[in-house]
Amino acid sequence: MDLPPPDKHINPVFACFCFKNDGAVETDKDKNMEQLDRITQQPGIMGGKACIRGMRITVGMIVGQIGAGRSVDEILTDYPYLAREDIMQALRYAAWRAEEREVILASS
């Protein structure tokens, strides 16, 4: 089993590889994204920004509301088609992205 070839930009989220029983390579990013099943990104919706379940509600909008002091319950009242887990996943996604960084390797 070979690891994927290194790219000139290495994302530390990809730094840990696990092998599944079928021989496929699974990364920590795969595991993180499985936990974020309500976060979607589609080029035709909000310019490809991270959204909640394909709706035109962006992760940034939710995080901005929380940052402005709005409570989860206030957001749920204003957006009754959202669920509490939508907001929790938006916050987890934003935290994950805030910790992400790329390391540029020197050319060989």
N, C-alpha and C. Protein backbone atom coordinates (compact mmCIF):
# COMPACT_ATOMS: atom_id res chain seq x y z
N MET A 1 0.83 -1.18 0.00
CA MET A 1 0.00 0.00 0.00
C MET A 1 0.87 1.24 0.00
N ASP A 2 0.64 2.12 -0.93
CA ASP A 2 1.42 3.34 -1.04
C ASP A 2 0.61 4.51 -0.50
N LEU A 3 1.29 5.42 0.16
CA LEU A 3 0.65 6.66 0.59
C LEU A 3 0.49 7.57 -0.61
N PRO A 4 -0.47 8.48 -0.55
CA PRO A 4 -0.61 9.43 -1.65
C PRO A 4 0.67 10.24 -1.81
N PRO A 5 1.00 10.64 -3.05
CA PRO A 5 2.22 11.41 -3.25
C PRO A 5 2.11 12.77 -2.55
N PRO A 6 3.23 13.27 -2.00
CA PRO A 6 3.16 14.57 -1.34
C PRO A 6 2.91 15.68 -2.35
N ASP A 7 2.19 16.66 -1.93
CA ASP A 7 1.92 17.84 -2.74
C ASP A 7 2.86 18.93 -2.27
N LYS A 8 3.02 20.00 -3.03
CA LYS A 8 3.89 21.08 -2.56
C LYS A 8 3.27 21.80 -1.37
N HIS A 9 1.96 21.68 -1.19
CA HIS A 9 1.29 22.23 -0.02
C HIS A 9 0.80 21.05 0.81
N ILE A 10 1.34 20.89 1.99
CA ILE A 10 0.92 19.80 2.86
C ILE A 10 0.03 20.38 3.94
N ASN A 11 -1.15 19.86 4.04
CA ASN A 11 -2.10 20.28 5.04
C ASN A 11 -1.95 19.35 6.24
N PRO A 12 -1.72 19.88 7.44
CA PRO A 12 -1.50 18.99 8.58
C PRO A 12 -2.71 18.11 8.88
N VAL A 13 -3.89 18.47 8.42
CA VAL A 13 -5.06 17.62 8.62
C VAL A 13 -4.84 16.30 7.91
N PHE A 14 -4.07 16.32 6.82
CA PHE A 14 -3.79 15.10 6.08
C PHE A 14 -2.57 14.36 6.61
N ALA A 15 -1.93 14.87 7.64
CA ALA A 15 -0.67 14.31 8.09
C ALA A 15 -0.81 12.91 8.68
N CYS A 16 -1.95 12.55 9.18
CA CYS A 16 -2.13 11.23 9.78
C CYS A 16 -2.98 10.38 8.83
N PHE A 17 -2.43 9.24 8.45
CA PHE A 17 -3.15 8.34 7.56
C PHE A 17 -3.51 7.08 8.31
N CYS A 18 -4.69 6.55 8.04
CA CYS A 18 -5.12 5.27 8.59
C CYS A 18 -5.50 4.39 7.42
N PHE A 19 -5.26 3.10 7.55
CA PHE A 19 -5.63 2.18 6.50
C PHE A 19 -6.90 1.46 6.90
N LYS A 20 -7.88 1.50 6.02
CA LYS A 20 -9.13 0.79 6.25
C LYS A 20 -8.92 -0.69 5.92
N ASN A 21 -9.87 -1.51 6.30
CA ASN A 21 -9.76 -2.95 6.03
C ASN A 21 -9.65 -3.25 4.54
N ASP A 22 -10.23 -2.42 3.69
CA ASP A 22 -10.19 -2.68 2.25
C ASP A 22 -8.92 -2.12 1.60
N GLY A 23 -7.99 -1.58 2.41
CA GLY A 23 -6.73 -1.08 1.88
C GLY A 23 -6.77 0.39 1.50
N ALA A 24 -7.93 1.01 1.55
CA ALA A 24 -8.03 2.43 1.20
C ALA A 24 -7.39 3.28 2.29
N VAL A 25 -6.89 4.43 1.90
CA VAL A 25 -6.28 5.34 2.85
C VAL A 25 -7.36 6.30 3.34
N GLU A 26 -7.43 6.44 4.65
CA GLU A 26 -8.38 7.38 5.26
C GLU A 26 -7.57 8.40 6.04
N THR A 27 -7.90 9.67 5.89
CA THR A 27 -7.18 10.72 6.59
C THR A 27 -8.00 11.24 7.75
N ASP A 28 -7.33 11.99 8.63
CA ASP A 28 -8.06 12.64 9.72
C ASP A 28 -9.10 13.60 9.16
N LYS A 29 -8.80 14.23 8.02
CA LYS A 29 -9.78 15.14 7.42
C LYS A 29 -11.05 14.38 7.06
N ASP A 30 -10.91 13.16 6.52
CA ASP A 30 -12.08 12.36 6.19
C ASP A 30 -12.94 12.15 7.43
N LYS A 31 -12.28 11.82 8.55
CA LYS A 31 -13.01 11.58 9.79
C LYS A 31 -13.71 12.85 10.25
N ASN A 32 -13.01 14.00 10.18
CA ASN A 32 -13.61 15.27 10.59
C ASN A 32 -14.82 15.60 9.74
N MET A 33 -14.71 15.38 8.43
CA MET A 33 -15.80 15.76 7.55
C MET A 33 -16.99 14.81 7.71
N GLU A 34 -16.76 13.56 8.09
CA GLU A 34 -17.88 12.66 8.35
C GLU A 34 -18.72 13.17 9.51
N GLN A 35 -18.09 13.83 10.46
CA GLN A 35 -18.78 14.37 11.62
C GLN A 35 -19.52 15.66 11.26
N LEU A 36 -19.25 16.21 10.10
CA LEU A 36 -19.86 17.47 9.66
C LEU A 36 -20.77 17.21 8.47
N ASP A 37 -21.69 16.28 8.63
CA ASP A 37 -22.54 15.88 7.51
C ASP A 37 -23.61 16.90 7.16
N ARG A 38 -23.76 17.94 7.94
CA ARG A 38 -24.74 18.99 7.63
C ARG A 38 -24.11 20.18 6.92
N ILE A 39 -22.79 20.16 6.78
CA ILE A 39 -22.07 21.25 6.11
C ILE A 39 -21.86 20.86 4.65
N THR A 40 -22.33 21.70 3.75
CA THR A 40 -22.21 21.41 2.32
C THR A 40 -21.53 22.57 1.60
N GLN A 41 -20.88 22.25 0.51
CA GLN A 41 -20.28 23.27 -0.35
C GLN A 41 -20.58 22.90 -1.79
N GLN A 42 -21.30 23.78 -2.47
CA GLN A 42 -21.66 23.56 -3.86
C GLN A 42 -21.39 24.84 -4.63
N PRO A 43 -20.71 24.75 -5.76
CA PRO A 43 -20.36 25.96 -6.51
C PRO A 43 -21.56 26.86 -6.82
N GLY A 44 -22.72 26.29 -7.06
CA GLY A 44 -23.89 27.08 -7.44
C GLY A 44 -24.68 27.66 -6.29
N ILE A 45 -24.27 27.39 -5.06
CA ILE A 45 -25.00 27.89 -3.90
C ILE A 45 -24.07 28.78 -3.08
N MET A 46 -24.41 30.04 -2.99
CA MET A 46 -23.65 31.03 -2.22
C MET A 46 -22.18 31.06 -2.63
N GLY A 47 -21.94 30.90 -3.90
CA GLY A 47 -20.58 31.00 -4.43
C GLY A 47 -19.63 29.93 -3.91
N GLY A 48 -20.17 28.80 -3.49
CA GLY A 48 -19.33 27.71 -3.00
C GLY A 48 -18.94 27.82 -1.54
N LYS A 49 -19.49 28.81 -0.84
CA LYS A 49 -19.21 28.93 0.59
C LYS A 49 -19.82 27.74 1.34
N ALA A 50 -19.26 27.46 2.51
CA ALA A 50 -19.80 26.39 3.35
C ALA A 50 -21.19 26.80 3.83
N CYS A 51 -22.17 25.93 3.58
CA CYS A 51 -23.57 26.21 3.92
C CYS A 51 -24.13 25.08 4.78
N ILE A 52 -25.30 25.33 5.29
CA ILE A 52 -26.01 24.33 6.08
C ILE A 52 -26.96 23.57 5.17
N ARG A 53 -26.73 22.28 5.04
CA ARG A 53 -27.60 21.35 4.31
C ARG A 53 -28.05 21.87 2.94
N GLY A 54 -27.16 22.51 2.22
CA GLY A 54 -27.47 22.97 0.87
C GLY A 54 -28.35 24.21 0.82
N MET A 55 -28.70 24.76 1.96
CA MET A 55 -29.52 25.97 1.99
C MET A 55 -28.63 27.20 1.83
N ARG A 56 -29.23 28.32 1.64
CA ARG A 56 -28.49 29.57 1.49
C ARG A 56 -28.23 30.22 2.85
N ILE A 57 -27.87 29.40 3.79
CA ILE A 57 -27.47 29.84 5.12
C ILE A 57 -26.01 29.42 5.27
N THR A 58 -25.10 30.39 5.31
CA THR A 58 -23.68 30.06 5.36
C THR A 58 -23.21 29.85 6.79
N VAL A 59 -22.14 29.09 6.90
CA VAL A 59 -21.49 28.90 8.18
C VAL A 59 -21.05 30.26 8.72
N GLY A 60 -20.53 31.10 7.85
CA GLY A 60 -20.09 32.43 8.26
C GLY A 60 -21.21 33.26 8.85
N MET A 61 -22.41 33.15 8.30
CA MET A 61 -23.55 33.90 8.84
C MET A 61 -23.86 33.43 10.26
N ILE A 62 -23.85 32.12 10.46
CA ILE A 62 -24.16 31.59 11.79
C ILE A 62 -23.08 31.99 12.79
N VAL A 63 -21.83 31.84 12.41
CA VAL A 63 -20.74 32.21 13.31
C VAL A 63 -20.78 33.71 13.60
N GLY A 64 -21.08 34.50 12.60
CA GLY A 64 -21.21 35.94 12.80
C GLY A 64 -22.31 36.30 13.78
N GLN A 65 -23.43 35.60 13.69
CA GLN A 65 -24.54 35.84 14.61
C GLN A 65 -24.13 35.51 16.05
N ILE A 66 -23.46 34.37 16.22
CA ILE A 66 -22.99 33.99 17.56
C ILE A 66 -21.98 35.02 18.06
N GLY A 67 -21.08 35.43 17.20
CA GLY A 67 -20.06 36.43 17.56
C GLY A 67 -20.66 37.78 17.94
N ALA A 68 -21.82 38.08 17.37
CA ALA A 68 -22.51 39.34 17.68
C ALA A 68 -23.32 39.24 18.97
N GLY A 69 -23.27 38.08 19.63
CA GLY A 69 -23.95 37.93 20.90
C GLY A 69 -25.31 37.27 20.86
N ARG A 70 -25.73 36.86 19.67
CA ARG A 70 -27.02 36.16 19.57
C ARG A 70 -26.88 34.76 20.15
N SER A 71 -27.91 34.29 20.79
CA SER A 71 -27.90 32.94 21.35
C SER A 71 -28.35 31.93 20.29
N VAL A 72 -28.04 30.68 20.54
CA VAL A 72 -28.49 29.62 19.64
C VAL A 72 -30.02 29.64 19.55
N ASP A 73 -30.69 29.81 20.68
CA ASP A 73 -32.15 29.83 20.67
C ASP A 73 -32.71 31.00 19.86
N GLU A 74 -32.05 32.15 19.91
CA GLU A 74 -32.49 33.30 19.10
C GLU A 74 -32.34 33.01 17.61
N ILE A 75 -31.24 32.38 17.25
CA ILE A 75 -31.03 32.04 15.84
C ILE A 75 -32.07 31.02 15.39
N LEU A 76 -32.35 30.04 16.22
CA LEU A 76 -33.37 29.03 15.87
C LEU A 76 -34.75 29.64 15.74
N THR A 77 -35.04 30.67 16.52
CA THR A 77 -36.33 31.36 16.41
C THR A 77 -36.42 32.12 15.09
N ASP A 78 -35.31 32.79 14.73
CA ASP A 78 -35.29 33.56 13.47
C ASP A 78 -35.25 32.68 12.23
N TYR A 79 -34.67 31.50 12.35
CA TYR A 79 -34.52 30.57 11.23
C TYR A 79 -35.11 29.22 11.64
N PRO A 80 -36.44 29.10 11.65
CA PRO A 80 -37.08 27.88 12.18
C PRO A 80 -36.76 26.61 11.38
N TYR A 81 -36.22 26.74 10.19
CA TYR A 81 -35.88 25.58 9.38
C TYR A 81 -34.49 25.05 9.73
N LEU A 82 -33.78 25.72 10.66
CA LEU A 82 -32.51 25.20 11.15
C LEU A 82 -32.75 24.36 12.39
N ALA A 83 -31.85 23.43 12.64
CA ALA A 83 -31.88 22.61 13.85
C ALA A 83 -30.67 22.99 14.71
N ARG A 84 -30.76 22.72 15.98
CA ARG A 84 -29.65 23.01 16.90
C ARG A 84 -28.35 22.36 16.39
N GLU A 85 -28.42 21.14 15.88
CA GLU A 85 -27.22 20.46 15.38
C GLU A 85 -26.63 21.19 14.17
N ASP A 86 -27.44 21.86 13.37
CA ASP A 86 -26.91 22.67 12.26
C ASP A 86 -25.96 23.74 12.80
N ILE A 87 -26.38 24.40 13.85
CA ILE A 87 -25.58 25.47 14.43
C ILE A 87 -24.32 24.91 15.09
N MET A 88 -24.47 23.80 15.80
CA MET A 88 -23.31 23.19 16.45
C MET A 88 -22.27 22.74 15.43
N GLN A 89 -22.74 22.16 14.31
CA GLN A 89 -21.80 21.75 13.27
C GLN A 89 -21.15 22.95 12.60
N ALA A 90 -21.89 24.03 12.42
CA ALA A 90 -21.31 25.24 11.84
C ALA A 90 -20.18 25.75 12.72
N LEU A 91 -20.38 25.73 14.02
CA LEU A 91 -19.34 26.18 14.95
C LEU A 91 -18.14 25.23 14.94
N ARG A 92 -18.39 23.92 14.89
CA ARG A 92 -17.28 22.96 14.83
C ARG A 92 -16.50 23.11 13.52
N TYR A 93 -17.23 23.33 12.42
CA TYR A 93 -16.57 23.52 11.12
C TYR A 93 -15.69 24.77 11.15
N ALA A 94 -16.23 25.85 11.69
CA ALA A 94 -15.46 27.11 11.75
C ALA A 94 -14.21 26.94 12.62
N ALA A 95 -14.35 26.23 13.74
CA ALA A 95 -13.20 26.00 14.61
C ALA A 95 -12.15 25.15 13.89
N TRP A 96 -12.60 24.12 13.19
CA TRP A 96 -11.69 23.25 12.44
C TRP A 96 -10.95 24.06 11.37
N ARG A 97 -11.67 24.89 10.63
CA ARG A 97 -11.04 25.69 9.59
C ARG A 97 -10.08 26.73 10.16
N ALA A 98 -10.40 27.27 11.33
CA ALA A 98 -9.52 28.25 11.97
C ALA A 98 -8.19 27.62 12.39
N GLU A 99 -8.20 26.33 12.69
CA GLU A 99 -6.98 25.63 13.09
C GLU A 99 -6.18 25.11 11.91
N GLU A 100 -6.79 25.06 10.74
CA GLU A 100 -6.14 24.51 9.56
C GLU A 100 -5.08 25.47 9.05
N ARG A 101 -3.97 24.91 8.59
CA ARG A 101 -2.93 25.73 7.96
C ARG A 101 -2.21 24.89 6.92
N GLU A 102 -1.59 25.56 5.98
CA GLU A 102 -0.82 24.87 4.96
C GLU A 102 0.66 25.14 5.19
N VAL A 103 1.47 24.14 4.98
CA VAL A 103 2.92 24.27 5.09
C VAL A 103 3.48 24.12 3.69
N ILE A 104 4.20 25.12 3.23
CA ILE A 104 4.79 25.08 1.90
C ILE A 104 6.17 24.45 2.02
N LEU A 105 6.38 23.36 1.29
CA LEU A 105 7.66 22.66 1.31
C LEU A 105 8.57 23.23 0.23
N ALA A 106 9.85 23.21 0.50
CA ALA A 106 10.83 23.67 -0.48
C ALA A 106 10.83 22.71 -1.67
N SER A 107 11.03 23.25 -2.87
CA SER A 107 11.10 22.42 -4.07
C SER A 107 12.39 21.62 -4.05
N SER A 108 12.30 20.41 -4.58
CA SER A 108 13.53 19.59 -4.61
C SER A 108 14.21 19.68 -5.93
